Amino acid sequence: MQYRPTASELLATLAELLEDTLLPALPPSLQHQARVGANLARIVQREVELRAESAKRESDVLAALPEGDERAEWEALVAVVRGDLAIAKPGYDEWEAE
């Protein structure tokens, strides 16, 4: 059993603290660092929340891959990258252009 707050909740709180409380109080020369810290906390939060499901989906996609089917290989690669993007840069995982 996971005790509260969870790692994900702690990371969300850290990101909010950096962005909502500290950022406005910092001099302009340090505000970028606070934004970067908040972004990193959110990336790790998504990693904690989504990694197991993403890794399972990636494993399933690769295990079902027919040998020598280049189109299927490409689609598997796209699926793997979309899973990574959902964690690292949400929104980019939905891009459809080629």
PDB file of N, CA and C in Angstrom:
ATOM      1  N   MET A   1       0.842  -1.185   0.000  1.00  0.00           N
ATOM      2  CA  MET A   1       0.000   0.000   0.000  1.00  0.00           C
ATOM      3  C   MET A   1       0.881   1.240   0.000  1.00  0.00           C
ATOM      4  N   GLN A   2       0.551   2.176  -0.846  1.00  0.00           N
ATOM      5  CA  GLN A   2       1.285   3.448  -0.936  1.00  0.00           C
ATOM      6  C   GLN A   2       0.687   4.444   0.044  1.00  0.00           C
ATOM      7  N   TYR A   3       1.534   4.980   0.901  1.00  0.00           N
ATOM      8  CA  TYR A   3       1.066   5.996   1.838  1.00  0.00           C
ATOM      9  C   TYR A   3       0.922   7.329   1.130  1.00  0.00           C
ATOM     10  N   ARG A   4       0.084   8.185   1.659  1.00  0.00           N
ATOM     11  CA  ARG A   4      -0.164   9.502   1.092  1.00  0.00           C
ATOM     12  C   ARG A   4       0.731  10.504   1.776  1.00  0.00           C
ATOM     13  N   PRO A   5       1.238  11.470   1.114  1.00  0.00           N
ATOM     14  CA  PRO A   5       1.068  11.691  -0.317  1.00  0.00           C
ATOM     15  C   PRO A   5       1.943  10.747  -1.136  1.00  0.00           C
ATOM     16  N   THR A   6       1.467  10.452  -2.330  1.00  0.00           N
ATOM     17  CA  THR A   6       2.217   9.584  -3.237  1.00  0.00           C
ATOM     18  C   THR A   6       3.375  10.370  -3.855  1.00  0.00           C
ATOM     19  N   ALA A   7       4.279   9.659  -4.494  1.00  0.00           N
ATOM     20  CA  ALA A   7       5.388  10.328  -5.185  1.00  0.00           C
ATOM     21  C   ALA A   7       4.847  11.283  -6.231  1.00  0.00           C
ATOM     22  N   SER A   8       3.823  10.870  -6.954  1.00  0.00           N
ATOM     23  CA  SER A   8       3.220  11.712  -7.979  1.00  0.00           C
ATOM     24  C   SER A   8       2.632  12.987  -7.371  1.00  0.00           C
ATOM     25  N   GLU A   9       1.955  12.850  -6.249  1.00  0.00           N
ATOM     26  CA  GLU A   9       1.374  14.019  -5.571  1.00  0.00           C
ATOM     27  C   GLU A   9       2.465  14.955  -5.056  1.00  0.00           C
ATOM     28  N   LEU A  10       3.539  14.398  -4.543  1.00  0.00           N
ATOM     29  CA  LEU A  10       4.651  15.226  -4.068  1.00  0.00           C
ATOM     30  C   LEU A  10       5.282  16.011  -5.214  1.00  0.00           C
ATOM     31  N   LEU A  11       5.462  15.356  -6.347  1.00  0.00           N
ATOM     32  CA  LEU A  11       6.047  16.036  -7.504  1.00  0.00           C
ATOM     33  C   LEU A  11       5.129  17.132  -8.030  1.00  0.00           C
ATOM     34  N   ALA A  12       3.818  16.880  -8.043  1.00  0.00           N
ATOM     35  CA  ALA A  12       2.866  17.904  -8.476  1.00  0.00           C
ATOM     36  C   ALA A  12       2.910  19.107  -7.531  1.00  0.00           C
ATOM     37  N   THR A  13       3.009  18.846  -6.255  1.00  0.00           N
ATOM     38  CA  THR A  13       3.091  19.925  -5.266  1.00  0.00           C
ATOM     39  C   THR A  13       4.378  20.724  -5.437  1.00  0.00           C
ATOM     40  N   LEU A  14       5.483  20.029  -5.692  1.00  0.00           N
ATOM     41  CA  LEU A  14       6.754  20.705  -5.933  1.00  0.00           C
ATOM     42  C   LEU A  14       6.669  21.607  -7.156  1.00  0.00           C
ATOM     43  N   ALA A  15       6.082  21.099  -8.239  1.00  0.00           N
ATOM     44  CA  ALA A  15       5.939  21.901  -9.459  1.00  0.00           C
ATOM     45  C   ALA A  15       5.086  23.141  -9.191  1.00  0.00           C
ATOM     46  N   GLU A  16       3.997  22.961  -8.473  1.00  0.00           N
ATOM     47  CA  GLU A  16       3.129  24.097  -8.141  1.00  0.00           C
ATOM     48  C   GLU A  16       3.855  25.114  -7.267  1.00  0.00           C
ATOM     49  N   LEU A  17       4.614  24.642  -6.290  1.00  0.00           N
ATOM     50  CA  LEU A  17       5.382  25.536  -5.423  1.00  0.00           C
ATOM     51  C   LEU A  17       6.362  26.373  -6.243  1.00  0.00           C
ATOM     52  N   LEU A  18       7.094  25.700  -7.128  1.00  0.00           N
ATOM     53  CA  LEU A  18       8.076  26.415  -7.946  1.00  0.00           C
ATOM     54  C   LEU A  18       7.406  27.436  -8.862  1.00  0.00           C
ATOM     55  N   GLU A  19       6.326  27.023  -9.499  1.00  0.00           N
ATOM     56  CA  GLU A  19       5.691  27.870 -10.505  1.00  0.00           C
ATOM     57  C   GLU A  19       4.803  28.957  -9.906  1.00  0.00           C
ATOM     58  N   ASP A  20       4.002  28.595  -8.919  1.00  0.00           N
ATOM     59  CA  ASP A  20       3.000  29.529  -8.413  1.00  0.00           C
ATOM     60  C   ASP A  20       3.486  30.398  -7.258  1.00  0.00           C
ATOM     61  N   THR A  21       4.394  29.870  -6.444  1.00  0.00           N
ATOM     62  CA  THR A  21       4.825  30.605  -5.255  1.00  0.00           C
ATOM     63  C   THR A  21       6.199  31.244  -5.441  1.00  0.00           C
ATOM     64  N   LEU A  22       7.177  30.434  -5.825  1.00  0.00           N
ATOM     65  CA  LEU A  22       8.539  30.947  -5.911  1.00  0.00           C
ATOM     66  C   LEU A  22       8.791  31.790  -7.156  1.00  0.00           C
ATOM     67  N   LEU A  23       8.296  31.355  -8.299  1.00  0.00           N
ATOM     68  CA  LEU A  23       8.566  32.056  -9.556  1.00  0.00           C
ATOM     69  C   LEU A  23       8.238  33.545  -9.481  1.00  0.00           C
ATOM     70  N   PRO A  24       7.048  33.932  -9.019  1.00  0.00           N
ATOM     71  CA  PRO A  24       6.738  35.363  -8.966  1.00  0.00           C
ATOM     72  C   PRO A  24       7.618  36.147  -7.982  1.00  0.00           C
ATOM     73  N   ALA A  25       8.159  35.453  -6.989  1.00  0.00           N
ATOM     74  CA  ALA A  25       8.982  36.129  -5.977  1.00  0.00           C
ATOM     75  C   ALA A  25      10.451  36.225  -6.385  1.00  0.00           C
ATOM     76  N   LEU A  26      10.836  35.513  -7.395  1.00  0.00           N
ATOM     77  CA  LEU A  26      12.241  35.494  -7.814  1.00  0.00           C
ATOM     78  C   LEU A  26      12.568  36.663  -8.734  1.00  0.00           C
ATOM     79  N   PRO A  27      13.825  37.085  -8.718  1.00  0.00           N
ATOM     80  CA  PRO A  27      14.236  38.101  -9.683  1.00  0.00           C
ATOM     81  C   PRO A  27      14.213  37.492 -11.088  1.00  0.00           C
ATOM     82  N   PRO A  28      14.038  38.313 -12.109  1.00  0.00           N
ATOM     83  CA  PRO A  28      13.966  37.808 -13.476  1.00  0.00           C
ATOM     84  C   PRO A  28      15.133  36.895 -13.862  1.00  0.00           C
ATOM     85  N   SER A  29      16.300  37.142 -13.314  1.00  0.00           N
ATOM     86  CA  SER A  29      17.467  36.335 -13.667  1.00  0.00           C
ATOM     87  C   SER A  29      17.361  34.882 -13.188  1.00  0.00           C
ATOM     88  N   LEU A  30      16.465  34.590 -12.241  1.00  0.00           N
ATOM     89  CA  LEU A  30      16.303  33.238 -11.706  1.00  0.00           C
ATOM     90  C   LEU A  30      14.967  32.591 -12.090  1.00  0.00           C
ATOM     91  N   GLN A  31      14.090  33.321 -12.728  1.00  0.00           N
ATOM     92  CA  GLN A  31      12.774  32.781 -13.046  1.00  0.00           C
ATOM     93  C   GLN A  31      12.843  31.602 -14.021  1.00  0.00           C
ATOM     94  N   HIS A  32      13.754  31.662 -14.963  1.00  0.00           N
ATOM     95  CA  HIS A  32      13.885  30.557 -15.916  1.00  0.00           C
ATOM     96  C   HIS A  32      14.232  29.258 -15.191  1.00  0.00           C
ATOM     97  N   GLN A  33      15.135  29.321 -14.222  1.00  0.00           N
ATOM     98  CA  GLN A  33      15.510  28.125 -13.473  1.00  0.00           C
ATOM     99  C   GLN A  33      14.312  27.546 -12.725  1.00  0.00           C
ATOM    100  N   ALA A  34      13.458  28.402 -12.185  1.00  0.00           N
ATOM    101  CA  ALA A  34      12.264  27.921 -11.483  1.00  0.00           C
ATOM    102  C   ALA A  34      11.312  27.236 -12.461  1.00  0.00           C
ATOM    103  N   ARG A  35      11.155  27.806 -13.665  1.00  0.00           N
ATOM    104  CA  ARG A  35      10.307  27.179 -14.682  1.00  0.00           C
ATOM    105  C   ARG A  35      10.861  25.816 -15.091  1.00  0.00           C
ATOM    106  N   VAL A  36      12.171  25.751 -15.274  1.00  0.00           N
ATOM    107  CA  VAL A  36      12.814  24.482 -15.637  1.00  0.00           C
ATOM    108  C   VAL A  36      12.595  23.453 -14.528  1.00  0.00           C
ATOM    109  N   GLY A  37      12.777  23.855 -13.289  1.00  0.00           N
ATOM    110  CA  GLY A  37      12.560  22.939 -12.164  1.00  0.00           C
ATOM    111  C   GLY A  37      11.130  22.432 -12.107  1.00  0.00           C
ATOM    112  N   ALA A  38      10.158  23.329 -12.326  1.00  0.00           N
ATOM    113  CA  ALA A  38       8.752  22.918 -12.335  1.00  0.00           C
ATOM    114  C   ALA A  38       8.488  21.943 -13.477  1.00  0.00           C
ATOM    115  N   ASN A  39       9.050  22.220 -14.643  1.00  0.00           N
ATOM    116  CA  ASN A  39       8.867  21.336 -15.791  1.00  0.00           C
ATOM    117  C   ASN A  39       9.484  19.962 -15.524  1.00  0.00           C
ATOM    118  N   LEU A  40      10.662  19.933 -14.951  1.00  0.00           N
ATOM    119  CA  LEU A  40      11.303  18.657 -14.623  1.00  0.00           C
ATOM    120  C   LEU A  40      10.471  17.857 -13.621  1.00  0.00           C
ATOM    121  N   ALA A  41       9.929  18.532 -12.628  1.00  0.00           N
ATOM    122  CA  ALA A  41       9.084  17.839 -11.645  1.00  0.00           C
ATOM    123  C   ALA A  41       7.856  17.243 -12.324  1.00  0.00           C
ATOM    124  N   ARG A  42       7.270  17.970 -13.282  1.00  0.00           N
ATOM    125  CA  ARG A  42       6.089  17.448 -13.993  1.00  0.00           C
ATOM    126  C   ARG A  42       6.451  16.271 -14.900  1.00  0.00           C
ATOM    127  N   ILE A  43       7.628  16.321 -15.537  1.00  0.00           N
ATOM    128  CA  ILE A  43       8.066  15.192 -16.361  1.00  0.00           C
ATOM    129  C   ILE A  43       8.234  13.946 -15.496  1.00  0.00           C
ATOM    130  N   VAL A  44       8.895  14.099 -14.358  1.00  0.00           N
ATOM    131  CA  VAL A  44       9.091  12.945 -13.466  1.00  0.00           C
ATOM    132  C   VAL A  44       7.746  12.472 -12.915  1.00  0.00           C
ATOM    133  N   GLN A  45       6.835  13.390 -12.638  1.00  0.00           N
ATOM    134  CA  GLN A  45       5.492  13.009 -12.190  1.00  0.00           C
ATOM    135  C   GLN A  45       4.804  12.136 -13.238  1.00  0.00           C
ATOM    136  N   ARG A  46       4.849  12.573 -14.502  1.00  0.00           N
ATOM    137  CA  ARG A  46       4.237  11.762 -15.566  1.00  0.00           C
ATOM    138  C   ARG A  46       4.951  10.428 -15.718  1.00  0.00           C
ATOM    139  N   GLU A  47       6.267  10.426 -15.543  1.00  0.00           N
ATOM    140  CA  GLU A  47       7.042   9.174 -15.602  1.00  0.00           C
ATOM    141  C   GLU A  47       6.537   8.206 -14.527  1.00  0.00           C
ATOM    142  N   VAL A  48       6.358   8.696 -13.324  1.00  0.00           N
ATOM    143  CA  VAL A  48       5.864   7.865 -12.215  1.00  0.00           C
ATOM    144  C   VAL A  48       4.464   7.341 -12.538  1.00  0.00           C
ATOM    145  N   GLU A  49       3.610   8.197 -13.093  1.00  0.00           N
ATOM    146  CA  GLU A  49       2.223   7.819 -13.349  1.00  0.00           C
ATOM    147  C   GLU A  49       2.064   6.916 -14.572  1.00  0.00           C
ATOM    148  N   LEU A  50       2.849   7.147 -15.617  1.00  0.00           N
ATOM    149  CA  LEU A  50       2.596   6.507 -16.911  1.00  0.00           C
ATOM    150  C   LEU A  50       3.599   5.450 -17.330  1.00  0.00           C
ATOM    151  N   ARG A  51       4.754   5.375 -16.700  1.00  0.00           N
ATOM    152  CA  ARG A  51       5.826   4.513 -17.202  1.00  0.00           C
ATOM    153  C   ARG A  51       5.446   3.038 -17.248  1.00  0.00           C
ATOM    154  N   ALA A  52       4.825   2.509 -16.216  1.00  0.00           N
ATOM    155  CA  ALA A  52       4.502   1.076 -16.206  1.00  0.00           C
ATOM    156  C   ALA A  52       3.543   0.734 -17.347  1.00  0.00           C
ATOM    157  N   GLU A  53       2.513   1.529 -17.513  1.00  0.00           N
ATOM    158  CA  GLU A  53       1.544   1.303 -18.599  1.00  0.00           C
ATOM    159  C   GLU A  53       2.219   1.470 -19.962  1.00  0.00           C
ATOM    160  N   SER A  54       3.058   2.472 -20.098  1.00  0.00           N
ATOM    161  CA  SER A  54       3.757   2.713 -21.357  1.00  0.00           C
ATOM    162  C   SER A  54       4.717   1.570 -21.680  1.00  0.00           C
ATOM    163  N   ALA A  55       5.448   1.097 -20.689  1.00  0.00           N
ATOM    164  CA  ALA A  55       6.391  -0.009 -20.897  1.00  0.00           C
ATOM    165  C   ALA A  55       5.649  -1.289 -21.284  1.00  0.00           C
ATOM    166  N   LYS A  56       4.504  -1.545 -20.667  1.00  0.00           N
ATOM    167  CA  LYS A  56       3.697  -2.722 -21.012  1.00  0.00           C
ATOM    168  C   LYS A  56       3.197  -2.615 -22.445  1.00  0.00           C
ATOM    169  N   ARG A  57       2.684  -1.454 -22.809  1.00  0.00           N
ATOM    170  CA  ARG A  57       2.181  -1.241 -24.167  1.00  0.00           C
ATOM    171  C   ARG A  57       3.311  -1.417 -25.186  1.00  0.00           C
ATOM    172  N   GLU A  58       4.492  -0.866 -24.874  1.00  0.00           N
ATOM    173  CA  GLU A  58       5.654  -1.003 -25.757  1.00  0.00           C
ATOM    174  C   GLU A  58       6.045  -2.470 -25.909  1.00  0.00           C
ATOM    175  N   SER A  59       6.086  -3.196 -24.821  1.00  0.00           N
ATOM    176  CA  SER A  59       6.431  -4.613 -24.855  1.00  0.00           C
ATOM    177  C   SER A  59       5.429  -5.400 -25.691  1.00  0.00           C
ATOM    178  N   ASP A  60       4.141  -5.118 -25.521  1.00  0.00           N
ATOM    179  CA  ASP A  60       3.100  -5.805 -26.280  1.00  0.00           C
ATOM    180  C   ASP A  60       3.214  -5.515 -27.771  1.00  0.00           C
ATOM    181  N   VAL A  61       3.452  -4.250 -28.117  1.00  0.00           N
ATOM    182  CA  VAL A  61       3.582  -3.854 -29.522  1.00  0.00           C
ATOM    183  C   VAL A  61       4.773  -4.564 -30.163  1.00  0.00           C
ATOM    184  N   LEU A  62       5.895  -4.590 -29.466  1.00  0.00           N
ATOM    185  CA  LEU A  62       7.095  -5.209 -30.026  1.00  0.00           C
ATOM    186  C   LEU A  62       6.965  -6.729 -30.097  1.00  0.00           C
ATOM    187  N   ALA A  63       6.300  -7.326 -29.132  1.00  0.00           N
ATOM    188  CA  ALA A  63       6.121  -8.778 -29.137  1.00  0.00           C
ATOM    189  C   ALA A  63       5.211  -9.232 -30.278  1.00  0.00           C
ATOM    190  N   ALA A  64       4.260  -8.396 -30.663  1.00  0.00           N
ATOM    191  CA  ALA A  64       3.308  -8.743 -31.720  1.00  0.00           C
ATOM    192  C   ALA A  64       3.807  -8.367 -33.111  1.00  0.00           C
ATOM    193  N   LEU A  65       4.992  -7.826 -33.192  1.00  0.00           N
ATOM    194  CA  LEU A  65       5.525  -7.330 -34.459  1.00  0.00           C
ATOM    195  C   LEU A  65       5.860  -8.476 -35.405  1.00  0.00           C
ATOM    196  N   PRO A  66       5.220  -8.498 -36.597  1.00  0.00           N
ATOM    197  CA  PRO A  66       5.556  -9.541 -37.565  1.00  0.00           C
ATOM    198  C   PRO A  66       6.940  -9.298 -38.158  1.00  0.00           C
ATOM    199  N   GLU A  67       7.692 -10.359 -38.311  1.00  0.00           N
ATOM    200  CA  GLU A  67       9.068 -10.240 -38.806  1.00  0.00           C
ATOM    201  C   GLU A  67       9.075  -9.819 -40.279  1.00  0.00           C
ATOM    202  N   GLY A  68       9.887  -8.810 -40.581  1.00  0.00           N
ATOM    203  CA  GLY A  68      10.083  -8.382 -41.955  1.00  0.00           C
ATOM    204  C   GLY A  68       9.015  -7.455 -42.507  1.00  0.00           C
ATOM    205  N   ASP A  69       8.052  -7.069 -41.720  1.00  0.00           N
ATOM    206  CA  ASP A  69       6.991  -6.163 -42.178  1.00  0.00           C
ATOM    207  C   ASP A  69       7.397  -4.737 -41.840  1.00  0.00           C
ATOM    208  N   GLU A  70       7.941  -4.026 -42.846  1.00  0.00           N
ATOM    209  CA  GLU A  70       8.487  -2.686 -42.591  1.00  0.00           C
ATOM    210  C   GLU A  70       7.421  -1.707 -42.139  1.00  0.00           C
ATOM    211  N   ARG A  71       6.222  -1.804 -42.683  1.00  0.00           N
ATOM    212  CA  ARG A  71       5.142  -0.895 -42.271  1.00  0.00           C
ATOM    213  C   ARG A  71       4.790  -1.136 -40.806  1.00  0.00           C
ATOM    214  N   ALA A  72       4.702  -2.394 -40.420  1.00  0.00           N
ATOM    215  CA  ALA A  72       4.398  -2.728 -39.022  1.00  0.00           C
ATOM    216  C   ALA A  72       5.526  -2.270 -38.111  1.00  0.00           C
ATOM    217  N   GLU A  73       6.778  -2.384 -38.583  1.00  0.00           N
ATOM    218  CA  GLU A  73       7.918  -1.899 -37.792  1.00  0.00           C
ATOM    219  C   GLU A  73       7.823  -0.396 -37.589  1.00  0.00           C
ATOM    220  N   TRP A  74       7.465   0.324 -38.657  1.00  0.00           N
ATOM    221  CA  TRP A  74       7.323   1.781 -38.564  1.00  0.00           C
ATOM    222  C   TRP A  74       6.212   2.140 -37.576  1.00  0.00           C
ATOM    223  N   GLU A  75       5.075   1.478 -37.678  1.00  0.00           N
ATOM    224  CA  GLU A  75       3.956   1.753 -36.779  1.00  0.00           C
ATOM    225  C   GLU A  75       4.321   1.433 -35.328  1.00  0.00           C
ATOM    226  N   ALA A  76       5.101   0.381 -35.113  1.00  0.00           N
ATOM    227  CA  ALA A  76       5.554   0.045 -33.762  1.00  0.00           C
ATOM    228  C   ALA A  76       6.478   1.134 -33.223  1.00  0.00           C
ATOM    229  N   LEU A  77       7.383   1.605 -34.076  1.00  0.00           N
ATOM    230  CA  LEU A  77       8.289   2.682 -33.673  1.00  0.00           C
ATOM    231  C   LEU A  77       7.506   3.938 -33.311  1.00  0.00           C
ATOM    232  N   VAL A  78       6.523   4.270 -34.132  1.00  0.00           N
ATOM    233  CA  VAL A  78       5.685   5.449 -33.851  1.00  0.00           C
ATOM    234  C   VAL A  78       4.964   5.275 -32.514  1.00  0.00           C
ATOM    235  N   ALA A  79       4.431   4.088 -32.250  1.00  0.00           N
ATOM    236  CA  ALA A  79       3.728   3.834 -30.986  1.00  0.00           C
ATOM    237  C   ALA A  79       4.663   3.987 -29.789  1.00  0.00           C
ATOM    238  N   VAL A  80       5.886   3.489 -29.923  1.00  0.00           N
ATOM    239  CA  VAL A  80       6.870   3.599 -28.837  1.00  0.00           C
ATOM    240  C   VAL A  80       7.220   5.065 -28.585  1.00  0.00           C
ATOM    241  N   VAL A  81       7.462   5.802 -29.654  1.00  0.00           N
ATOM    242  CA  VAL A  81       7.819   7.220 -29.508  1.00  0.00           C
ATOM    243  C   VAL A  81       6.649   8.012 -28.945  1.00  0.00           C
ATOM    244  N   ARG A  82       5.424   7.701 -29.370  1.00  0.00           N
ATOM    245  CA  ARG A  82       4.254   8.396 -28.805  1.00  0.00           C
ATOM    246  C   ARG A  82       4.163   8.170 -27.292  1.00  0.00           C
ATOM    247  N   GLY A  83       4.442   6.958 -26.850  1.00  0.00           N
ATOM    248  CA  GLY A  83       4.429   6.688 -25.411  1.00  0.00           C
ATOM    249  C   GLY A  83       5.465   7.513 -24.666  1.00  0.00           C
ATOM    250  N   ASP A  84       6.650   7.640 -25.265  1.00  0.00           N
ATOM    251  CA  ASP A  84       7.698   8.454 -24.641  1.00  0.00           C
ATOM    252  C   ASP A  84       7.317   9.935 -24.638  1.00  0.00           C
ATOM    253  N   LEU A  85       6.728  10.395 -25.746  1.00  0.00           N
ATOM    254  CA  LEU A  85       6.328  11.805 -25.831  1.00  0.00           C
ATOM    255  C   LEU A  85       5.200  12.143 -24.871  1.00  0.00           C
ATOM    256  N   ALA A  86       4.305  11.197 -24.615  1.00  0.00           N
ATOM    257  CA  ALA A  86       3.218  11.445 -23.666  1.00  0.00           C
ATOM    258  C   ALA A  86       3.777  11.787 -22.291  1.00  0.00           C
ATOM    259  N   ILE A  87       4.960  11.264 -21.995  1.00  0.00           N
ATOM    260  CA  ILE A  87       5.615  11.543 -20.720  1.00  0.00           C
ATOM    261  C   ILE A  87       6.443  12.820 -20.807  1.00  0.00           C
ATOM    262  N   ALA A  88       7.276  12.917 -21.837  1.00  0.00           N
ATOM    263  CA  ALA A  88       8.235  14.021 -21.920  1.00  0.00           C
ATOM    264  C   ALA A  88       7.619  15.332 -22.410  1.00  0.00           C
ATOM    265  N   LYS A  89       6.673  15.249 -23.346  1.00  0.00           N
ATOM    266  CA  LYS A  89       6.128  16.470 -23.955  1.00  0.00           C
ATOM    267  C   LYS A  89       4.681  16.222 -24.368  1.00  0.00           C
ATOM    268  N   PRO A  90       3.748  16.179 -23.397  1.00  0.00           N
ATOM    269  CA  PRO A  90       2.349  15.901 -23.707  1.00  0.00           C
ATOM    270  C   PRO A  90       1.821  16.839 -24.799  1.00  0.00           C
ATOM    271  N   GLY A  91       0.996  16.281 -25.650  1.00  0.00           N
ATOM    272  CA  GLY A  91       0.460  17.037 -26.776  1.00  0.00           C
ATOM    273  C   GLY A  91       1.193  16.683 -28.056  1.00  0.00           C
ATOM    274  N   TYR A  92       2.501  16.507 -27.974  1.00  0.00           N
ATOM    275  CA  TYR A  92       3.284  16.131 -29.142  1.00  0.00           C
ATOM    276  C   TYR A  92       3.022  14.681 -29.523  1.00  0.00           C
ATOM    277  N   ASP A  93       2.533  13.888 -28.592  1.00  0.00           N
ATOM    278  CA  ASP A  93       2.237  12.486 -28.874  1.00  0.00           C
ATOM    279  C   ASP A  93       1.018  12.315 -29.771  1.00  0.00           C
ATOM    280  N   GLU A  94       0.269  13.383 -30.009  1.00  0.00           N
ATOM    281  CA  GLU A  94      -0.912  13.309 -30.850  1.00  0.00           C
ATOM    282  C   GLU A  94      -0.673  13.826 -32.266  1.00  0.00           C
ATOM    283  N   TRP A  95       0.549  14.243 -32.577  1.00  0.00           N
ATOM    284  CA  TRP A  95       0.870  14.809 -33.879  1.00  0.00           C
ATOM    285  C   TRP A  95       0.649  13.772 -34.967  1.00  0.00           C
ATOM    286  N   GLU A  96       0.014  14.162 -36.061  1.00  0.00           N
ATOM    287  CA  GLU A  96      -0.333  13.225 -37.123  1.00  0.00           C
ATOM    288  C   GLU A  96       0.366  13.488 -38.447  1.00  0.00           C
ATOM    289  N   ALA A  97       1.051  14.596 -38.623  1.00  0.00           N
ATOM    290  CA  ALA A  97       1.702  14.905 -39.905  1.00  0.00           C
ATOM    291  C   ALA A  97       2.867  13.953 -40.157  1.00  0.00           C
ATOM    292  N   GLU A  98       3.240  13.827 -41.418  1.00  0.00           N
ATOM    293  CA  GLU A  98       4.369  12.959 -41.752  1.00  0.00           C
ATOM    294  C   GLU A  98       5.530  13.778 -42.233  1.00  0.00           C
TER     295      GLU A  98
END
